[in-house]
Every structure is written in C-alpha cells, then in structure tokens.
PDB file of N, CA and C in Angstrom:
ATOM      1  N   MET A   1       0.832  -1.177   0.000  1.00  0.00           N
ATOM      2  CA  MET A   1       0.000   0.000   0.000  1.00  0.00           C
ATOM      3  C   MET A   1       0.878   1.242   0.000  1.00  0.00           C
ATOM      4  N   THR A   2       0.603   2.110  -0.966  1.00  0.00           N
ATOM      5  CA  THR A   2       1.374   3.339  -1.115  1.00  0.00           C
ATOM      6  C   THR A   2       0.428   4.525  -1.142  1.00  0.00           C
ATOM      7  N   LEU A   3       0.821   5.584  -0.463  1.00  0.00           N
ATOM      8  CA  LEU A   3       0.109   6.852  -0.519  1.00  0.00           C
ATOM      9  C   LEU A   3       0.850   7.732  -1.511  1.00  0.00           C
ATOM     10  N   HIS A   4       0.154   8.168  -2.551  1.00  0.00           N
ATOM     11  CA  HIS A   4       0.731   9.026  -3.574  1.00  0.00           C
ATOM     12  C   HIS A   4       0.258  10.455  -3.318  1.00  0.00           C
ATOM     13  N   LEU A   5       1.194  11.359  -3.064  1.00  0.00           N
ATOM     14  CA  LEU A   5       0.892  12.770  -2.843  1.00  0.00           C
ATOM     15  C   LEU A   5       1.161  13.524  -4.133  1.00  0.00           C
ATOM     16  N   LEU A   6       0.165  14.255  -4.593  1.00  0.00           N
ATOM     17  CA  LEU A   6       0.294  14.978  -5.850  1.00  0.00           C
ATOM     18  C   LEU A   6      -0.018  16.444  -5.599  1.00  0.00           C
ATOM     19  N   ASN A   7       0.966  17.325  -5.847  1.00  0.00           N
ATOM     20  CA  ASN A   7       0.778  18.738  -5.520  1.00  0.00           C
ATOM     21  C   ASN A   7       0.708  19.651  -6.744  1.00  0.00           C
ATOM     22  N   LYS A   8       0.587  19.101  -7.919  1.00  0.00           N
ATOM     23  CA  LYS A   8       0.494  19.906  -9.151  1.00  0.00           C
ATOM     24  C   LYS A   8      -0.909  19.804  -9.738  1.00  0.00           C
ATOM     25  N   SER A   9      -1.317  20.832 -10.436  1.00  0.00           N
ATOM     26  CA  SER A   9      -2.631  20.830 -11.083  1.00  0.00           C
ATOM     27  C   SER A   9      -2.626  19.857 -12.262  1.00  0.00           C
ATOM     28  N   PRO A  10      -3.805  19.512 -12.776  1.00  0.00           N
ATOM     29  CA  PRO A  10      -3.877  18.605 -13.927  1.00  0.00           C
ATOM     30  C   PRO A  10      -3.219  19.150 -15.189  1.00  0.00           C
ATOM     31  N   GLN A  11      -2.819  20.408 -15.198  1.00  0.00           N
ATOM     32  CA  GLN A  11      -2.069  20.926 -16.342  1.00  0.00           C
ATOM     33  C   GLN A  11      -0.746  20.194 -16.501  1.00  0.00           C
ATOM     34  N   SER A  12      -0.265  19.581 -15.424  1.00  0.00           N
ATOM     35  CA  SER A  12       0.960  18.767 -15.466  1.00  0.00           C
ATOM     36  C   SER A  12       0.566  17.331 -15.794  1.00  0.00           C
ATOM     37  N   MET A  13      -0.061  17.142 -16.951  1.00  0.00           N
ATOM     38  CA  MET A  13      -0.635  15.841 -17.297  1.00  0.00           C
ATOM     39  C   MET A  13       0.399  14.723 -17.343  1.00  0.00           C
ATOM     40  N   SER A  14       1.618  15.007 -17.749  1.00  0.00           N
ATOM     41  CA  SER A  14       2.629  13.945 -17.786  1.00  0.00           C
ATOM     42  C   SER A  14       2.921  13.449 -16.365  1.00  0.00           C
ATOM     43  N   LEU A  15       2.889  14.342 -15.398  1.00  0.00           N
ATOM     44  CA  LEU A  15       3.091  13.945 -14.005  1.00  0.00           C
ATOM     45  C   LEU A  15       1.946  13.044 -13.545  1.00  0.00           C
ATOM     46  N   TYR A  16       0.713  13.433 -13.878  1.00  0.00           N
ATOM     47  CA  TYR A  16      -0.445  12.618 -13.533  1.00  0.00           C
ATOM     48  C   TYR A  16      -0.350  11.247 -14.207  1.00  0.00           C
ATOM     49  N   SER A  17       0.026  11.227 -15.477  1.00  0.00           N
ATOM     50  CA  SER A  17       0.143   9.962 -16.211  1.00  0.00           C
ATOM     51  C   SER A  17       1.174   9.042 -15.573  1.00  0.00           C
ATOM     52  N   ASN A  18       2.309   9.591 -15.196  1.00  0.00           N
ATOM     53  CA  ASN A  18       3.348   8.784 -14.546  1.00  0.00           C
ATOM     54  C   ASN A  18       2.871   8.228 -13.209  1.00  0.00           C
ATOM     55  N   MET A  19       2.184   9.063 -12.445  1.00  0.00           N
ATOM     56  CA  MET A  19       1.677   8.614 -11.153  1.00  0.00           C
ATOM     57  C   MET A  19       0.629   7.518 -11.340  1.00  0.00           C
ATOM     58  N   LEU A  20      -0.301   7.734 -12.253  1.00  0.00           N
ATOM     59  CA  LEU A  20      -1.352   6.743 -12.486  1.00  0.00           C
ATOM     60  C   LEU A  20      -0.778   5.414 -12.965  1.00  0.00           C
ATOM     61  N   ALA A  21       0.266   5.460 -13.772  1.00  0.00           N
ATOM     62  CA  ALA A  21       0.894   4.241 -14.285  1.00  0.00           C
ATOM     63  C   ALA A  21       1.585   3.450 -13.176  1.00  0.00           C
ATOM     64  N   SER A  22       1.923   4.102 -12.091  1.00  0.00           N
ATOM     65  CA  SER A  22       2.644   3.419 -11.008  1.00  0.00           C
ATOM     66  C   SER A  22       1.720   2.856  -9.928  1.00  0.00           C
ATOM     67  N   LEU A  23       0.418   3.065 -10.050  1.00  0.00           N
ATOM     68  CA  LEU A  23      -0.527   2.632  -9.014  1.00  0.00           C
ATOM     69  C   LEU A  23      -0.664   1.119  -8.948  1.00  0.00           C
ATOM     70  N   SER A  24      -0.888   0.651  -7.745  1.00  0.00           N
ATOM     71  CA  SER A  24      -1.195  -0.756  -7.489  1.00  0.00           C
ATOM     72  C   SER A  24      -2.499  -0.824  -6.709  1.00  0.00           C
ATOM     73  N   ASP A  25      -3.065  -2.013  -6.621  1.00  0.00           N
ATOM     74  CA  ASP A  25      -4.271  -2.195  -5.816  1.00  0.00           C
ATOM     75  C   ASP A  25      -4.017  -1.730  -4.391  1.00  0.00           C
ATOM     76  N   ASN A  26      -5.036  -1.143  -3.799  1.00  0.00           N
ATOM     77  CA  ASN A  26      -5.021  -0.663  -2.410  1.00  0.00           C
ATOM     78  C   ASN A  26      -4.144   0.564  -2.183  1.00  0.00           C
ATOM     79  N   ASP A  27      -3.675   1.207  -3.250  1.00  0.00           N
ATOM     80  CA  ASP A  27      -2.961   2.474  -3.108  1.00  0.00           C
ATOM     81  C   ASP A  27      -3.966   3.590  -2.873  1.00  0.00           C
ATOM     82  N   SER A  28      -3.464   4.718  -2.422  1.00  0.00           N
ATOM     83  CA  SER A  28      -4.281   5.907  -2.211  1.00  0.00           C
ATOM     84  C   SER A  28      -3.621   7.094  -2.889  1.00  0.00           C
ATOM     85  N   ILE A  29      -4.445   8.017  -3.348  1.00  0.00           N
ATOM     86  CA  ILE A  29      -3.969   9.268  -3.937  1.00  0.00           C
ATOM     87  C   ILE A  29      -4.509  10.402  -3.083  1.00  0.00           C
ATOM     88  N   LEU A  30      -3.624  11.292  -2.672  1.00  0.00           N
ATOM     89  CA  LEU A  30      -4.030  12.488  -1.943  1.00  0.00           C
ATOM     90  C   LEU A  30      -3.574  13.705  -2.726  1.00  0.00           C
ATOM     91  N   LEU A  31      -4.534  14.515  -3.151  1.00  0.00           N
ATOM     92  CA  LEU A  31      -4.231  15.751  -3.857  1.00  0.00           C
ATOM     93  C   LEU A  31      -4.042  16.862  -2.832  1.00  0.00           C
ATOM     94  N   ILE A  32      -2.895  17.526  -2.914  1.00  0.00           N
ATOM     95  CA  ILE A  32      -2.566  18.612  -1.994  1.00  0.00           C
ATOM     96  C   ILE A  32      -2.147  19.837  -2.791  1.00  0.00           C
ATOM     97  N   GLU A  33      -2.111  20.984  -2.130  1.00  0.00           N
ATOM     98  CA  GLU A  33      -1.680  22.235  -2.748  1.00  0.00           C
ATOM     99  C   GLU A  33      -2.434  22.434  -4.066  1.00  0.00           C
ATOM    100  N   ASP A  34      -1.757  22.790  -5.166  1.00  0.00           N
ATOM    101  CA  ASP A  34      -2.442  22.998  -6.448  1.00  0.00           C
ATOM    102  C   ASP A  34      -3.012  21.706  -7.029  1.00  0.00           C
ATOM    103  N   GLY A  35      -2.605  20.576  -6.499  1.00  0.00           N
ATOM    104  CA  GLY A  35      -3.195  19.315  -6.919  1.00  0.00           C
ATOM    105  C   GLY A  35      -4.683  19.248  -6.620  1.00  0.00           C
ATOM    106  N   ALA A  36      -5.153  20.070  -5.673  1.00  0.00           N
ATOM    107  CA  ALA A  36      -6.579  20.098  -5.315  1.00  0.00           C
ATOM    108  C   ALA A  36      -7.458  20.406  -6.525  1.00  0.00           C
ATOM    109  N   TYR A  37      -6.922  21.112  -7.510  1.00  0.00           N
ATOM    110  CA  TYR A  37      -7.692  21.388  -8.726  1.00  0.00           C
ATOM    111  C   TYR A  37      -8.071  20.095  -9.453  1.00  0.00           C
ATOM    112  N   GLY A  38      -7.292  19.055  -9.280  1.00  0.00           N
ATOM    113  CA  GLY A  38      -7.594  17.773  -9.898  1.00  0.00           C
ATOM    114  C   GLY A  38      -8.838  17.114  -9.342  1.00  0.00           C
ATOM    115  N   ALA A  39      -9.316  17.573  -8.191  1.00  0.00           N
ATOM    116  CA  ALA A  39     -10.509  17.000  -7.568  1.00  0.00           C
ATOM    117  C   ALA A  39     -11.801  17.612  -8.101  1.00  0.00           C
ATOM    118  N   LEU A  40     -11.694  18.549  -9.031  1.00  0.00           N
ATOM    119  CA  LEU A  40     -12.888  19.136  -9.630  1.00  0.00           C
ATOM    120  C   LEU A  40     -13.531  18.140 -10.598  1.00  0.00           C
ATOM    121  N   SER A  41     -14.840  18.187 -10.702  1.00  0.00           N
ATOM    122  CA  SER A  41     -15.569  17.270 -11.587  1.00  0.00           C
ATOM    123  C   SER A  41     -15.073  17.325 -13.022  1.00  0.00           C
ATOM    124  N   ALA A  42     -14.589  18.467 -13.448  1.00  0.00           N
ATOM    125  CA  ALA A  42     -14.082  18.615 -14.818  1.00  0.00           C
ATOM    126  C   ALA A  42     -12.925  17.668 -15.108  1.00  0.00           C
ATOM    127  N   HIS A  43     -12.268  17.185 -14.071  1.00  0.00           N
ATOM    128  CA  HIS A  43     -11.115  16.305 -14.243  1.00  0.00           C
ATOM    129  C   HIS A  43     -11.424  14.846 -13.872  1.00  0.00           C
ATOM    130  N   ASN A  44     -12.704  14.508 -13.715  1.00  0.00           N
ATOM    131  CA  ASN A  44     -13.087  13.139 -13.351  1.00  0.00           C
ATOM    132  C   ASN A  44     -12.517  12.092 -14.301  1.00  0.00           C
ATOM    133  N   LYS A  45     -12.408  12.441 -15.584  1.00  0.00           N
ATOM    134  CA  LYS A  45     -11.956  11.448 -16.579  1.00  0.00           C
ATOM    135  C   LYS A  45     -10.563  10.914 -16.238  1.00  0.00           C
ATOM    136  N   ILE A  46      -9.763  11.706 -15.543  1.00  0.00           N
ATOM    137  CA  ILE A  46      -8.415  11.270 -15.162  1.00  0.00           C
ATOM    138  C   ILE A  46      -8.484  10.089 -14.199  1.00  0.00           C
ATOM    139  N   PHE A  47      -9.484  10.100 -13.319  1.00  0.00           N
ATOM    140  CA  PHE A  47      -9.543   9.129 -12.223  1.00  0.00           C
ATOM    141  C   PHE A  47     -10.637   8.076 -12.361  1.00  0.00           C
ATOM    142  N   LYS A  48     -11.592   8.284 -13.257  1.00  0.00           N
ATOM    143  CA  LYS A  48     -12.748   7.384 -13.354  1.00  0.00           C
ATOM    144  C   LYS A  48     -12.400   5.943 -13.692  1.00  0.00           C
ATOM    145  N   SER A  49     -11.337   5.729 -14.433  1.00  0.00           N
ATOM    146  CA  SER A  49     -11.005   4.366 -14.867  1.00  0.00           C
ATOM    147  C   SER A  49     -10.186   3.594 -13.826  1.00  0.00           C
ATOM    148  N   LEU A  50      -9.908   4.219 -12.698  1.00  0.00           N
ATOM    149  CA  LEU A  50      -9.132   3.529 -11.664  1.00  0.00           C
ATOM    150  C   LEU A  50      -9.960   2.438 -11.014  1.00  0.00           C
ATOM    151  N   PRO A  51      -9.317   1.363 -10.590  1.00  0.00           N
ATOM    152  CA  PRO A  51     -10.064   0.310  -9.889  1.00  0.00           C
ATOM    153  C   PRO A  51     -10.623   0.828  -8.559  1.00  0.00           C
ATOM    154  N   ASP A  52     -11.681   0.193  -8.093  1.00  0.00           N
ATOM    155  CA  ASP A  52     -12.306   0.583  -6.824  1.00  0.00           C
ATOM    156  C   ASP A  52     -11.370   0.432  -5.639  1.00  0.00           C
ATOM    157  N   THR A  53     -10.286  -0.296  -5.813  1.00  0.00           N
ATOM    158  CA  THR A  53      -9.346  -0.519  -4.710  1.00  0.00           C
ATOM    159  C   THR A  53      -8.420   0.668  -4.476  1.00  0.00           C
ATOM    160  N   VAL A  54      -8.443   1.652  -5.389  1.00  0.00           N
ATOM    161  CA  VAL A  54      -7.626   2.865  -5.234  1.00  0.00           C
ATOM    162  C   VAL A  54      -8.501   3.942  -4.596  1.00  0.00           C
ATOM    163  N   SER A  55      -8.045   4.492  -3.482  1.00  0.00           N
ATOM    164  CA  SER A  55      -8.801   5.516  -2.756  1.00  0.00           C
ATOM    165  C   SER A  55      -8.322   6.909  -3.156  1.00  0.00           C
ATOM    166  N   LEU A  56      -9.284   7.824  -3.282  1.00  0.00           N
ATOM    167  CA  LEU A  56      -8.984   9.188  -3.702  1.00  0.00           C
ATOM    168  C   LEU A  56      -9.329  10.178  -2.595  1.00  0.00           C
ATOM    169  N   PHE A  57      -8.377  11.042  -2.262  1.00  0.00           N
ATOM    170  CA  PHE A  57      -8.552  12.025  -1.211  1.00  0.00           C
ATOM    171  C   PHE A  57      -8.067  13.382  -1.689  1.00  0.00           C
ATOM    172  N   VAL A  58      -8.582  14.431  -1.060  1.00  0.00           N
ATOM    173  CA  VAL A  58      -8.100  15.786  -1.298  1.00  0.00           C
ATOM    174  C   VAL A  58      -8.069  16.480   0.063  1.00  0.00           C
ATOM    175  N   LEU A  59      -7.066  17.305   0.264  1.00  0.00           N
ATOM    176  CA  LEU A  59      -6.878  17.973   1.551  1.00  0.00           C
ATOM    177  C   LEU A  59      -7.803  19.193   1.661  1.00  0.00           C
ATOM    178  N   ARG A  60      -8.615  19.198   2.726  1.00  0.00           N
ATOM    179  CA  ARG A  60      -9.609  20.251   2.944  1.00  0.00           C
ATOM    180  C   ARG A  60      -8.987  21.651   2.941  1.00  0.00           C
ATOM    181  N   ALA A  61      -7.881  21.832   3.645  1.00  0.00           N
ATOM    182  CA  ALA A  61      -7.258  23.159   3.735  1.00  0.00           C
ATOM    183  C   ALA A  61      -6.908  23.703   2.354  1.00  0.00           C
ATOM    184  N   ASP A  62      -6.512  22.828   1.445  1.00  0.00           N
ATOM    185  CA  ASP A  62      -6.132  23.273   0.108  1.00  0.00           C
ATOM    186  C   ASP A  62      -7.354  23.573  -0.762  1.00  0.00           C
ATOM    187  N   THR A  63      -8.449  22.833  -0.571  1.00  0.00           N
ATOM    188  CA  THR A  63      -9.670  23.168  -1.317  1.00  0.00           C
ATOM    189  C   THR A  63     -10.240  24.492  -0.819  1.00  0.00           C
ATOM    190  N   GLU A  64     -10.194  24.704   0.486  1.00  0.00           N
ATOM    191  CA  GLU A  64     -10.708  25.952   1.049  1.00  0.00           C
ATOM    192  C   GLU A  64      -9.866  27.147   0.609  1.00  0.00           C
ATOM    193  N   ALA A  65      -8.551  26.991   0.621  1.00  0.00           N
ATOM    194  CA  ALA A  65      -7.655  28.086   0.246  1.00  0.00           C
ATOM    195  C   ALA A  65      -7.850  28.503  -1.211  1.00  0.00           C
ATOM    196  N   ARG A  66      -8.334  27.581  -2.040  1.00  0.00           N
ATOM    197  CA  ARG A  66      -8.506  27.856  -3.465  1.00  0.00           C
ATOM    198  C   ARG A  66      -9.970  28.076  -3.856  1.00  0.00           C
ATOM    199  N   GLY A  67     -10.848  28.114  -2.856  1.00  0.00           N
ATOM    200  CA  GLY A  67     -12.271  28.339  -3.125  1.00  0.00           C
ATOM    201  C   GLY A  67     -12.941  27.193  -3.849  1.00  0.00           C
ATOM    202  N   LEU A  68     -12.482  25.962  -3.617  1.00  0.00           N
ATOM    203  CA  LEU A  68     -12.997  24.794  -4.337  1.00  0.00           C
ATOM    204  C   LEU A  68     -13.913  23.910  -3.500  1.00  0.00           C
ATOM    205  N   SER A  69     -14.117  24.249  -2.256  1.00  0.00           N
ATOM    206  CA  SER A  69     -14.820  23.362  -1.317  1.00  0.00           C
ATOM    207  C   SER A  69     -16.162  22.859  -1.829  1.00  0.00           C
ATOM    208  N   GLU A  70     -16.926  23.722  -2.475  1.00  0.00           N
ATOM    209  CA  GLU A  70     -18.256  23.342  -2.953  1.00  0.00           C
ATOM    210  C   GLU A  70     -18.226  22.660  -4.311  1.00  0.00           C
ATOM    211  N   ARG A  71     -17.049  22.513  -4.894  1.00  0.00           N
ATOM    212  CA  ARG A  71     -16.948  21.990  -6.262  1.00  0.00           C
ATOM    213  C   ARG A  71     -16.176  20.673  -6.355  1.00  0.00           C
ATOM    214  N   VAL A  72     -15.840  20.066  -5.228  1.00  0.00           N
ATOM    215  CA  VAL A  72     -15.069  18.823  -5.226  1.00  0.00           C
ATOM    216  C   VAL A  72     -15.938  17.670  -5.730  1.00  0.00           C
ATOM    217  N   SER A  73     -15.379  16.886  -6.621  1.00  0.00           N
ATOM    218  CA  SER A  73     -16.067  15.725  -7.190  1.00  0.00           C
ATOM    219  C   SER A  73     -16.398  14.704  -6.103  1.00  0.00           C
ATOM    220  N   ALA A  74     -17.498  13.999  -6.315  1.00  0.00           N
ATOM    221  CA  ALA A  74     -17.906  12.941  -5.385  1.00  0.00           C
ATOM    222  C   ALA A  74     -16.929  11.759  -5.396  1.00  0.00           C
ATOM    223  N   LEU A  75     -16.022  11.720  -6.364  1.00  0.00           N
ATOM    224  CA  LEU A  75     -15.018  10.649  -6.395  1.00  0.00           C
ATOM    225  C   LEU A  75     -14.029  10.776  -5.239  1.00  0.00           C
ATOM    226  N   PHE A  76     -13.914  11.977  -4.674  1.00  0.00           N
ATOM    227  CA  PHE A  76     -12.894  12.280  -3.669  1.00  0.00           C
ATOM    228  C   PHE A  76     -13.491  12.421  -2.278  1.00  0.00           C
ATOM    229  N   GLU A  77     -12.746  11.936  -1.310  1.00  0.00           N
ATOM    230  CA  GLU A  77     -13.072  12.186   0.089  1.00  0.00           C
ATOM    231  C   GLU A  77     -12.221  13.365   0.547  1.00  0.00           C
ATOM    232  N   VAL A  78     -12.866  14.372   1.099  1.00  0.00           N
ATOM    233  CA  VAL A  78     -12.161  15.552   1.608  1.00  0.00           C
ATOM    234  C   VAL A  78     -11.714  15.236   3.037  1.00  0.00           C
ATOM    235  N   ILE A  79     -10.408  15.396   3.282  1.00  0.00           N
ATOM    236  CA  ILE A  79      -9.875  15.052   4.595  1.00  0.00           C
ATOM    237  C   ILE A  79      -9.142  16.245   5.213  1.00  0.00           C
ATOM    238  N   ASP A  80      -9.004  16.201   6.530  1.00  0.00           N
ATOM    239  CA  ASP A  80      -8.285  17.258   7.242  1.00  0.00           C
ATOM    240  C   ASP A  80      -6.851  16.817   7.530  1.00  0.00           C
ATOM    241  N   ASP A  81      -6.097  17.674   8.184  1.00  0.00           N
ATOM    242  CA  ASP A  81      -4.682  17.388   8.455  1.00  0.00           C
ATOM    243  C   ASP A  81      -4.486  16.147   9.318  1.00  0.00           C
ATOM    244  N   ASN A  82      -5.366  15.939  10.302  1.00  0.00           N
ATOM    245  CA  ASN A  82      -5.237  14.750  11.154  1.00  0.00           C
ATOM    246  C   ASN A  82      -5.441  13.465  10.355  1.00  0.00           C
ATOM    247  N   GLN A  83      -6.393  13.492   9.437  1.00  0.00           N
ATOM    248  CA  GLN A  83      -6.628  12.320   8.588  1.00  0.00           C
ATOM    249  C   GLN A  83      -5.464  12.107   7.623  1.00  0.00           C
ATOM    250  N   PHE A  84      -4.825  13.189   7.203  1.00  0.00           N
ATOM    251  CA  PHE A  84      -3.625  13.111   6.368  1.00  0.00           C
ATOM    252  C   PHE A  84      -2.546  12.343   7.114  1.00  0.00           C
ATOM    253  N   VAL A  85      -2.344  12.668   8.364  1.00  0.00           N
ATOM    254  CA  VAL A  85      -1.344  11.977   9.185  1.00  0.00           C
ATOM    255  C   VAL A  85      -1.706  10.501   9.319  1.00  0.00           C
ATOM    256  N   GLU A  86      -2.990  10.215   9.541  1.00  0.00           N
ATOM    257  CA  GLU A  86      -3.438   8.817   9.645  1.00  0.00           C
ATOM    258  C   GLU A  86      -3.137   8.050   8.363  1.00  0.00           C
ATOM    259  N   LEU A  87      -3.390   8.675   7.211  1.00  0.00           N
ATOM    260  CA  LEU A  87      -3.107   8.023   5.927  1.00  0.00           C
ATOM    261  C   LEU A  87      -1.632   7.673   5.790  1.00  0.00           C
ATOM    262  N   THR A  88      -0.764   8.596   6.198  1.00  0.00           N
ATOM    263  CA  THR A  88       0.669   8.322   6.075  1.00  0.00           C
ATOM    264  C   THR A  88       1.071   7.149   6.961  1.00  0.00           C
ATOM    265  N   CYS A  89       0.420   7.012   8.109  1.00  0.00           N
ATOM    266  CA  CYS A  89       0.728   5.900   9.017  1.00  0.00           C
ATOM    267  C   CYS A  89       0.159   4.574   8.516  1.00  0.00           C
ATOM    268  N   GLN A  90      -0.952   4.607   7.810  1.00  0.00           N
ATOM    269  CA  GLN A  90      -1.608   3.391   7.330  1.00  0.00           C
ATOM    270  C   GLN A  90      -0.921   2.780   6.114  1.00  0.00           C
ATOM    271  N   ASN A  91      -0.148   3.566   5.409  1.00  0.00           N
ATOM    272  CA  ASN A  91       0.488   3.085   4.178  1.00  0.00           C
ATOM    273  C   ASN A  91       1.945   2.723   4.421  1.00  0.00           C
ATOM    274  N   VAL A  92       2.417   1.732   3.688  1.00  0.00           N
ATOM    275  CA  VAL A  92       3.797   1.266   3.818  1.00  0.00           C
ATOM    276  C   VAL A  92       4.774   2.310   3.275  1.00  0.00           C
ATOM    277  N   LYS A  93       4.403   2.953   2.158  1.00  0.00           N
ATOM    278  CA  LYS A  93       5.255   3.963   1.532  1.00  0.00           C
ATOM    279  C   LYS A  93       4.432   5.219   1.243  1.00  0.00           C
ATOM    280  N   VAL A  94       5.145   6.337   1.198  1.00  0.00           N
ATOM    281  CA  VAL A  94       4.569   7.601   0.752  1.00  0.00           C
ATOM    282  C   VAL A  94       5.445   8.121  -0.368  1.00  0.00           C
ATOM    283  N   VAL A  95       4.835   8.391  -1.517  1.00  0.00           N
ATOM    284  CA  VAL A  95       5.569   8.888  -2.670  1.00  0.00           C
ATOM    285  C   VAL A  95       5.035  10.273  -3.012  1.00  0.00           C
ATOM    286  N   SER A  96       5.922  11.249  -3.097  1.00  0.00           N
ATOM    287  CA  SER A  96       5.529  12.608  -3.482  1.00  0.00           C
ATOM    288  C   SER A  96       5.806  12.817  -4.959  1.00  0.00           C
ATOM    289  N   TRP A  97       4.797  13.261  -5.671  1.00  0.00           N
ATOM    290  CA  TRP A  97       4.918  13.566  -7.097  1.00  0.00           C
ATOM    291  C   TRP A  97       4.900  15.068  -7.243  1.00  0.00           C
ATOM    292  N   TYR A  98       5.995  15.618  -7.736  1.00  0.00           N
ATOM    293  CA  TYR A  98       6.091  17.081  -7.907  1.00  0.00           C
ATOM    294  C   TYR A  98       6.984  17.428  -9.074  1.00  0.00           C
TER     295      TYR A  98
END
C-alpha cells in the first residue's frame, strides 16, 4: 500500500500519467496544494477508470484556500490534516509527485 501525494494541477498531465501508471491495488492518492484542482468534476476522466481498490482524497485546507470546497467531485473524500497523518501511518510507503 502506497500513498501518492500529488501537488500539481492537472495541467501537469505527464506527471499525472506517470503517477497513475505506477498505481497498485489498495494504493491511495491524496491531492494537496495545487493538486486540489484535480478534484474538480471537470477532471473526473483522469480518475474514473481507476479500480475501486484505489482511494482518492483531497486535503480540505487546500480546497478551502482555493475556493474549491463546494466543487469537489464525489469521487474524492475531503480530509483534514489529522486524517492526512493517519493516511501516512496506514500506508507502507509515501511517494511525493512534484
């Protein structure tokens, strides 16, 4: 189980493609910083084909800072900083994509 942290917007499509290609069952993706833009419904196509075993999260503080709170796709679970820490503890590895 790996937690993938992604801090770039979907405009960095090659970064998203590389991250998606490295996913395994039971991995998690957490969008942080400008990566929070990827949690908008307009970008669902990037994540829709993932298996149900991959969990999708976005950091609440980053959606709020960017005015995205009301626009987050239902594909994503919005989490706070404490839940972020829990995710890092639950996963064997944490990989930052930047």
